[in-house]
């Protein structure tokens, strides 16, 4: 199947394609979710590192998603000897082993996957609606990370980009309140929102007015 050229598929690349080379079955496209992107990176890097001469990534145009990155593999050692097992490369067998692994458990590398999920969630927070950003102290270092950790750890919210589980406005504002990132200049909006939600109002630092006379001075 990997050596069979798909119907209505135009190919003008390497001459060995669909002869001794074929698709390894590991792809990613513009519409791939975080898990698919992670799996593609982990699997292709592993296989190419172990068999650098037997794999290559090729990009193909696609009517639905614009383009697809596909891992291709040297499958047969000798084109003239057919599909005898001794004529199948170890690299292709390694690729099929990855398919078996993913069929049993869908994540190739949990560390890579969860770091990507976290990065995507933090990027979502950094680029959320302006009306939310306007009441947050975004000048503090790591503000988006602090909101993310408040959401996922303090508030136990399951922020899962792949599952389209995003926090609503109130949950984000609650995380901002929990993180101490309420912008003092927007105290009125924060007091009103906290009163509506039944939360304690944030305590803002009092700024001294340099033009105000002090009662006691040395």
C-alpha atoms as a PDB file:
ATOM      1  CA  UNK A   1       0.000   0.000   0.000  1.00  0.00           C
ATOM      2  CA  UNK A   2       2.821   2.408   0.835  1.00  0.00           C
ATOM      3  CA  UNK A   3       4.363   1.857  -2.599  1.00  0.00           C
ATOM      4  CA  UNK A   4       1.113   2.366  -4.514  1.00  0.00           C
ATOM      5  CA  UNK A   5       0.695   5.768  -6.119  1.00  0.00           C
ATOM      6  CA  UNK A   6      -2.687   7.239  -5.094  1.00  0.00           C
ATOM      7  CA  UNK A   7      -5.274   7.863  -7.800  1.00  0.00           C
ATOM      8  CA  UNK A   8      -5.356  11.426  -9.177  1.00  0.00           C
ATOM      9  CA  UNK A   9      -2.017  12.183  -7.533  1.00  0.00           C
ATOM     10  CA  UNK A  10       0.512  14.144  -9.529  1.00  0.00           C
ATOM     11  CA  UNK A  11       4.144  13.575  -8.585  1.00  0.00           C
ATOM     12  CA  UNK A  12       7.211  15.078 -10.241  1.00  0.00           C
ATOM     13  CA  UNK A  13       9.813  14.447  -7.562  1.00  0.00           C
ATOM     14  CA  UNK A  14      12.331  11.681  -7.002  1.00  0.00           C
ATOM     15  CA  UNK A  15      12.482   8.882  -9.576  1.00  0.00           C
ATOM     16  CA  UNK A  16      12.583   6.170  -6.914  1.00  0.00           C
ATOM     17  CA  UNK A  17       9.168   7.181  -5.515  1.00  0.00           C
ATOM     18  CA  UNK A  18       6.573   4.395  -5.794  1.00  0.00           C
ATOM     19  CA  UNK A  19       9.323   2.028  -6.926  1.00  0.00           C
ATOM     20  CA  UNK A  20      11.505   1.437  -3.895  1.00  0.00           C
ATOM     21  CA  UNK A  21      10.282   4.452  -1.891  1.00  0.00           C
ATOM     22  CA  UNK A  22       6.786   5.211  -0.636  1.00  0.00           C
ATOM     23  CA  UNK A  23       4.734   6.940   2.047  1.00  0.00           C
ATOM     24  CA  UNK A  24       5.594   6.112   5.655  1.00  0.00           C
ATOM     25  CA  UNK A  25       2.133   7.157   6.843  1.00  0.00           C
ATOM     26  CA  UNK A  26       3.308   9.964   9.142  1.00  0.00           C
ATOM     27  CA  UNK A  27       1.868  13.304   7.991  1.00  0.00           C
ATOM     28  CA  UNK A  28       1.002  16.784   9.186  1.00  0.00           C
ATOM     29  CA  UNK A  29      -0.961  19.607   7.588  1.00  0.00           C
ATOM     30  CA  UNK A  30      -2.107  23.123   8.350  1.00  0.00           C
ATOM     31  CA  UNK A  31      -5.133  21.657  10.149  1.00  0.00           C
ATOM     32  CA  UNK A  32      -3.200  19.174  12.291  1.00  0.00           C
ATOM     33  CA  UNK A  33      -3.931  19.497  15.996  1.00  0.00           C
ATOM     34  CA  UNK A  34      -1.241  19.823  18.659  1.00  0.00           C
ATOM     35  CA  UNK A  35      -1.007  16.070  19.210  1.00  0.00           C
ATOM     36  CA  UNK A  36      -0.543  15.359  15.506  1.00  0.00           C
ATOM     37  CA  UNK A  37       2.113  18.077  15.221  1.00  0.00           C
ATOM     38  CA  UNK A  38       3.965  16.682  18.229  1.00  0.00           C
ATOM     39  CA  UNK A  39       3.761  13.104  16.981  1.00  0.00           C
ATOM     40  CA  UNK A  40       5.018  14.109  13.537  1.00  0.00           C
ATOM     41  CA  UNK A  41       8.023  15.945  14.990  1.00  0.00           C
ATOM     42  CA  UNK A  42       8.952  13.197  17.467  1.00  0.00           C
ATOM     43  CA  UNK A  43       8.513  10.313  15.028  1.00  0.00           C
ATOM     44  CA  UNK A  44      10.233  11.913  12.045  1.00  0.00           C
ATOM     45  CA  UNK A  45      13.186  13.092  14.125  1.00  0.00           C
ATOM     46  CA  UNK A  46      13.606   9.626  15.615  1.00  0.00           C
ATOM     47  CA  UNK A  47      13.448   7.809  12.294  1.00  0.00           C
ATOM     48  CA  UNK A  48      15.633  10.253  10.375  1.00  0.00           C
ATOM     49  CA  UNK A  49      18.243  10.192  13.146  1.00  0.00           C
ATOM     50  CA  UNK A  50      18.391   6.380  13.078  1.00  0.00           C
ATOM     51  CA  UNK A  51      18.127   5.965   9.292  1.00  0.00           C
ATOM     52  CA  UNK A  52      19.281   9.255   7.735  1.00  0.00           C
ATOM     53  CA  UNK A  53      19.537   7.829   4.221  1.00  0.00           C
ATOM     54  CA  UNK A  54      16.167   6.088   4.216  1.00  0.00           C
ATOM     55  CA  UNK A  55      13.775   8.917   5.075  1.00  0.00           C
ATOM     56  CA  UNK A  56      12.928  12.324   3.679  1.00  0.00           C
ATOM     57  CA  UNK A  57      10.121  14.801   4.335  1.00  0.00           C
ATOM     58  CA  UNK A  58       8.305  16.001   1.225  1.00  0.00           C
ATOM     59  CA  UNK A  59       5.634  18.676   0.982  1.00  0.00           C
ATOM     60  CA  UNK A  60       2.626  18.197  -1.291  1.00  0.00           C
ATOM     61  CA  UNK A  61      -0.119  20.621  -2.222  1.00  0.00           C
ATOM     62  CA  UNK A  62      -3.596  19.634  -1.136  1.00  0.00           C
ATOM     63  CA  UNK A  63      -6.932  21.060  -2.267  1.00  0.00           C
ATOM     64  CA  UNK A  64      -8.439  21.067   1.250  1.00  0.00           C
ATOM     65  CA  UNK A  65      -5.608  22.093   3.580  1.00  0.00           C
ATOM     66  CA  UNK A  66      -3.189  23.866   1.258  1.00  0.00           C
ATOM     67  CA  UNK A  67      -0.236  21.556   1.800  1.00  0.00           C
ATOM     68  CA  UNK A  68       0.733  18.349   3.578  1.00  0.00           C
ATOM     69  CA  UNK A  69       4.154  17.389   4.958  1.00  0.00           C
ATOM     70  CA  UNK A  70       4.699  13.665   4.495  1.00  0.00           C
ATOM     71  CA  UNK A  71       7.469  11.396   5.633  1.00  0.00           C
ATOM     72  CA  UNK A  72       8.591   9.156   2.789  1.00  0.00           C
ATOM     73  CA  UNK A  73      10.669   6.031   3.276  1.00  0.00           C
ATOM     74  CA  UNK A  74      12.875   3.622   1.358  1.00  0.00           C
ATOM     75  CA  UNK A  75      10.785   0.464   1.584  1.00  0.00           C
ATOM     76  CA  UNK A  76      12.423  -2.041  -0.760  1.00  0.00           C
ATOM     77  CA  UNK A  77      16.133  -2.772  -0.883  1.00  0.00           C
ATOM     78  CA  UNK A  78      15.983  -3.993  -4.494  1.00  0.00           C
ATOM     79  CA  UNK A  79      13.135  -3.095  -6.823  1.00  0.00           C
ATOM     80  CA  UNK A  80      13.519  -6.338  -8.785  1.00  0.00           C
ATOM     81  CA  UNK A  81      13.141  -8.695  -5.801  1.00  0.00           C
ATOM     82  CA  UNK A  82       9.540  -7.892  -4.903  1.00  0.00           C
ATOM     83  CA  UNK A  83       7.930  -7.862  -1.499  1.00  0.00           C
ATOM     84  CA  UNK A  84       9.890 -10.641   0.161  1.00  0.00           C
ATOM     85  CA  UNK A  85      10.493  -9.819   3.831  1.00  0.00           C
ATOM     86  CA  UNK A  86      14.256  -9.930   3.379  1.00  0.00           C
ATOM     87  CA  UNK A  87      13.876  -7.218   0.746  1.00  0.00           C
ATOM     88  CA  UNK A  88      12.054  -4.817   3.106  1.00  0.00           C
ATOM     89  CA  UNK A  89      14.252  -2.231   4.816  1.00  0.00           C
ATOM     90  CA  UNK A  90      14.704  -2.054   8.565  1.00  0.00           C
ATOM     91  CA  UNK A  91      13.785   1.619   8.307  1.00  0.00           C
ATOM     92  CA  UNK A  92      10.314   0.813   6.979  1.00  0.00           C
ATOM     93  CA  UNK A  93       9.827  -1.781   9.721  1.00  0.00           C
ATOM     94  CA  UNK A  94      10.801   0.868  12.282  1.00  0.00           C
ATOM     95  CA  UNK A  95       8.218   3.205  10.778  1.00  0.00           C
ATOM     96  CA  UNK A  96       5.543   0.511  11.078  1.00  0.00           C
ATOM     97  CA  UNK A  97       6.575  -0.054  14.703  1.00  0.00           C
ATOM     98  CA  UNK A  98       5.756   3.583  15.377  1.00  0.00           C
ATOM     99  CA  UNK A  99       2.273   3.005  13.922  1.00  0.00           C
ATOM    100  CA  UNK A 100       1.805   0.083  16.311  1.00  0.00           C
ATOM    101  CA  UNK A 101       2.908   2.287  19.205  1.00  0.00           C
ATOM    102  CA  UNK A 102       0.495   5.104  18.281  1.00  0.00           C
ATOM    103  CA  UNK A 103      -2.368   2.643  17.829  1.00  0.00           C
ATOM    104  CA  UNK A 104      -1.803   1.437  21.404  1.00  0.00           C
ATOM    105  CA  UNK A 105      -1.222   4.912  22.884  1.00  0.00           C
ATOM    106  CA  UNK A 106      -1.852   8.066  20.818  1.00  0.00           C
ATOM    107  CA  UNK A 107       0.988  10.272  22.138  1.00  0.00           C
ATOM    108  CA  UNK A 108       4.514   9.653  20.877  1.00  0.00           C
ATOM    109  CA  UNK A 109       6.194  11.774  23.568  1.00  0.00           C
ATOM    110  CA  UNK A 110       4.167  13.159  26.481  1.00  0.00           C
ATOM    111  CA  UNK A 111       6.777  15.767  27.442  1.00  0.00           C
ATOM    112  CA  UNK A 112       6.830  17.275  23.955  1.00  0.00           C
ATOM    113  CA  UNK A 113       3.046  17.146  23.644  1.00  0.00           C
ATOM    114  CA  UNK A 114       2.214  18.783  26.983  1.00  0.00           C
ATOM    115  CA  UNK A 115       4.836  21.507  26.525  1.00  0.00           C
ATOM    116  CA  UNK A 116       3.227  22.310  23.161  1.00  0.00           C
ATOM    117  CA  UNK A 117      -0.248  22.368  24.734  1.00  0.00           C
ATOM    118  CA  UNK A 118       0.981  24.727  27.437  1.00  0.00           C
ATOM    119  CA  UNK A 119       2.711  27.020  24.929  1.00  0.00           C
ATOM    120  CA  UNK A 120      -0.439  27.165  22.813  1.00  0.00           C
ATOM    121  CA  UNK A 121      -2.571  27.986  25.863  1.00  0.00           C
ATOM    122  CA  UNK A 122      -0.210  30.763  26.962  1.00  0.00           C
ATOM    123  CA  UNK A 123      -0.227  32.162  23.413  1.00  0.00           C
ATOM    124  CA  UNK A 124      -4.041  32.188  23.570  1.00  0.00           C
ATOM    125  CA  UNK A 125      -3.907  34.174  26.820  1.00  0.00           C
ATOM    126  CA  UNK A 126      -1.394  36.666  25.404  1.00  0.00           C
ATOM    127  CA  UNK A 127      -3.665  37.320  22.422  1.00  0.00           C
ATOM    128  CA  UNK A 128      -7.083  37.298  24.084  1.00  0.00           C
ATOM    129  CA  UNK A 129      -9.648  40.053  23.576  1.00  0.00           C
ATOM    130  CA  UNK A 130      -8.561  43.655  24.188  1.00  0.00           C
ATOM    131  CA  UNK A 131     -11.360  44.303  26.696  1.00  0.00           C
ATOM    132  CA  UNK A 132      -9.746  41.665  28.925  1.00  0.00           C
ATOM    133  CA  UNK A 133      -6.174  42.783  28.359  1.00  0.00           C
ATOM    134  CA  UNK A 134      -7.117  46.352  29.287  1.00  0.00           C
ATOM    135  CA  UNK A 135      -7.857  45.401  32.905  1.00  0.00           C
ATOM    136  CA  UNK A 136      -4.759  43.211  33.382  1.00  0.00           C
ATOM    137  CA  UNK A 137      -1.280  44.273  34.448  1.00  0.00           C
ATOM    138  CA  UNK A 138       0.521  43.013  31.361  1.00  0.00           C
ATOM    139  CA  UNK A 139       3.670  44.922  32.334  1.00  0.00           C
ATOM    140  CA  UNK A 140       4.590  42.289  34.917  1.00  0.00           C
ATOM    141  CA  UNK A 141       7.084  39.691  33.725  1.00  0.00           C
ATOM    142  CA  UNK A 142       5.497  36.332  32.940  1.00  0.00           C
ATOM    143  CA  UNK A 143       1.953  37.634  33.371  1.00  0.00           C
ATOM    144  CA  UNK A 144       0.441  35.216  30.845  1.00  0.00           C
ATOM    145  CA  UNK A 145       2.212  32.233  32.434  1.00  0.00           C
ATOM    146  CA  UNK A 146       0.933  33.296  35.865  1.00  0.00           C
ATOM    147  CA  UNK A 147      -2.636  33.407  34.577  1.00  0.00           C
ATOM    148  CA  UNK A 148      -2.191  29.998  32.961  1.00  0.00           C
ATOM    149  CA  UNK A 149      -0.914  28.423  36.184  1.00  0.00           C
ATOM    150  CA  UNK A 150      -3.700  30.074  38.187  1.00  0.00           C
ATOM    151  CA  UNK A 151      -6.236  28.593  35.770  1.00  0.00           C
ATOM    152  CA  UNK A 152      -4.832  25.085  35.634  1.00  0.00           C
ATOM    153  CA  UNK A 153      -3.454  24.681  39.166  1.00  0.00           C
ATOM    154  CA  UNK A 154      -5.273  27.048  41.532  1.00  0.00           C
ATOM    155  CA  UNK A 155      -8.649  26.849  39.764  1.00  0.00           C
ATOM    156  CA  UNK A 156      -8.173  23.294  38.431  1.00  0.00           C
ATOM    157  CA  UNK A 157      -9.401  24.303  34.962  1.00  0.00           C
ATOM    158  CA  UNK A 158      -8.666  21.786  32.192  1.00  0.00           C
ATOM    159  CA  UNK A 159      -7.240  24.079  29.511  1.00  0.00           C
ATOM    160  CA  UNK A 160      -7.068  21.768  26.483  1.00  0.00           C
ATOM    161  CA  UNK A 161      -6.568  23.417  23.094  1.00  0.00           C
ATOM    162  CA  UNK A 162      -6.903  20.115  21.214  1.00  0.00           C
ATOM    163  CA  UNK A 163     -10.289  19.469  22.848  1.00  0.00           C
ATOM    164  CA  UNK A 164     -11.437  23.094  22.302  1.00  0.00           C
ATOM    165  CA  UNK A 165     -11.663  23.602  26.063  1.00  0.00           C
ATOM    166  CA  UNK A 166     -10.989  27.301  26.589  1.00  0.00           C
ATOM    167  CA  UNK A 167     -11.719  29.404  29.698  1.00  0.00           C
ATOM    168  CA  UNK A 168     -14.598  31.881  29.465  1.00  0.00           C
ATOM    169  CA  UNK A 169     -14.148  35.548  30.398  1.00  0.00           C
ATOM    170  CA  UNK A 170     -15.174  35.105  34.035  1.00  0.00           C
ATOM    171  CA  UNK A 171     -12.764  32.210  34.520  1.00  0.00           C
ATOM    172  CA  UNK A 172      -9.915  34.271  33.048  1.00  0.00           C
ATOM    173  CA  UNK A 173     -10.759  37.242  35.274  1.00  0.00           C
ATOM    174  CA  UNK A 174     -10.891  34.941  38.292  1.00  0.00           C
ATOM    175  CA  UNK A 175      -7.396  33.686  37.406  1.00  0.00           C
ATOM    176  CA  UNK A 176      -6.197  37.292  37.019  1.00  0.00           C
ATOM    177  CA  UNK A 177      -7.619  38.105  40.452  1.00  0.00           C
ATOM    178  CA  UNK A 178      -5.959  34.999  41.901  1.00  0.00           C
ATOM    179  CA  UNK A 179      -2.635  36.024  40.337  1.00  0.00           C
ATOM    180  CA  UNK A 180      -2.728  39.570  41.720  1.00  0.00           C
ATOM    181  CA  UNK A 181      -2.592  40.995  38.205  1.00  0.00           C
ATOM    182  CA  UNK A 182      -5.600  43.328  38.400  1.00  0.00           C
ATOM    183  CA  UNK A 183      -4.672  46.686  36.907  1.00  0.00           C
ATOM    184  CA  UNK A 184      -5.073  49.373  39.631  1.00  0.00           C
ATOM    185  CA  UNK A 185      -6.114  52.026  37.115  1.00  0.00           C
ATOM    186  CA  UNK A 186      -9.222  49.921  36.358  1.00  0.00           C
ATOM    187  CA  UNK A 187     -10.209  49.547  40.018  1.00  0.00           C
ATOM    188  CA  UNK A 188     -13.816  50.547  39.365  1.00  0.00           C
ATOM    189  CA  UNK A 189     -14.375  47.744  36.865  1.00  0.00           C
ATOM    190  CA  UNK A 190     -12.691  45.241  39.162  1.00  0.00           C
ATOM    191  CA  UNK A 191     -14.795  46.258  42.161  1.00  0.00           C
ATOM    192  CA  UNK A 192     -17.990  45.988  40.117  1.00  0.00           C
ATOM    193  CA  UNK A 193     -17.043  42.579  38.713  1.00  0.00           C
ATOM    194  CA  UNK A 194     -15.985  41.194  42.107  1.00  0.00           C
ATOM    195  CA  UNK A 195     -19.251  42.368  43.663  1.00  0.00           C
ATOM    196  CA  UNK A 196     -21.230  40.651  40.895  1.00  0.00           C
ATOM    197  CA  UNK A 197     -19.275  37.388  41.270  1.00  0.00           C
ATOM    198  CA  UNK A 198     -19.227  37.404  45.059  1.00  0.00           C
ATOM    199  CA  UNK A 199     -15.424  37.667  45.294  1.00  0.00           C
ATOM    200  CA  UNK A 200     -13.433  39.819  47.695  1.00  0.00           C
ATOM    201  CA  UNK A 201     -12.322  43.037  46.077  1.00  0.00           C
ATOM    202  CA  UNK A 202      -8.604  43.260  45.222  1.00  0.00           C
ATOM    203  CA  UNK A 203      -6.493  45.447  47.467  1.00  0.00           C
ATOM    204  CA  UNK A 204      -4.573  47.945  45.410  1.00  0.00           C
ATOM    205  CA  UNK A 205      -1.457  49.748  46.682  1.00  0.00           C
ATOM    206  CA  UNK A 206      -2.088  53.351  47.646  1.00  0.00           C
ATOM    207  CA  UNK A 207      -0.103  55.783  45.556  1.00  0.00           C
ATOM    208  CA  UNK A 208       1.185  58.882  47.241  1.00  0.00           C
ATOM    209  CA  UNK A 209       0.192  62.208  45.754  1.00  0.00           C
ATOM    210  CA  UNK A 210       3.304  64.410  45.608  1.00  0.00           C
ATOM    211  CA  UNK A 211       1.101  67.524  45.670  1.00  0.00           C
ATOM    212  CA  UNK A 212      -0.699  66.519  48.862  1.00  0.00           C
ATOM    213  CA  UNK A 213       0.443  68.280  52.066  1.00  0.00           C
ATOM    214  CA  UNK A 214       1.684  65.933  54.760  1.00  0.00           C
ATOM    215  CA  UNK A 215       0.447  66.515  58.303  1.00  0.00           C
ATOM    216  CA  UNK A 216       3.708  65.650  59.894  1.00  0.00           C
ATOM    217  CA  UNK A 217       7.074  66.455  58.375  1.00  0.00           C
ATOM    218  CA  UNK A 218      10.497  66.656  59.955  1.00  0.00           C
END
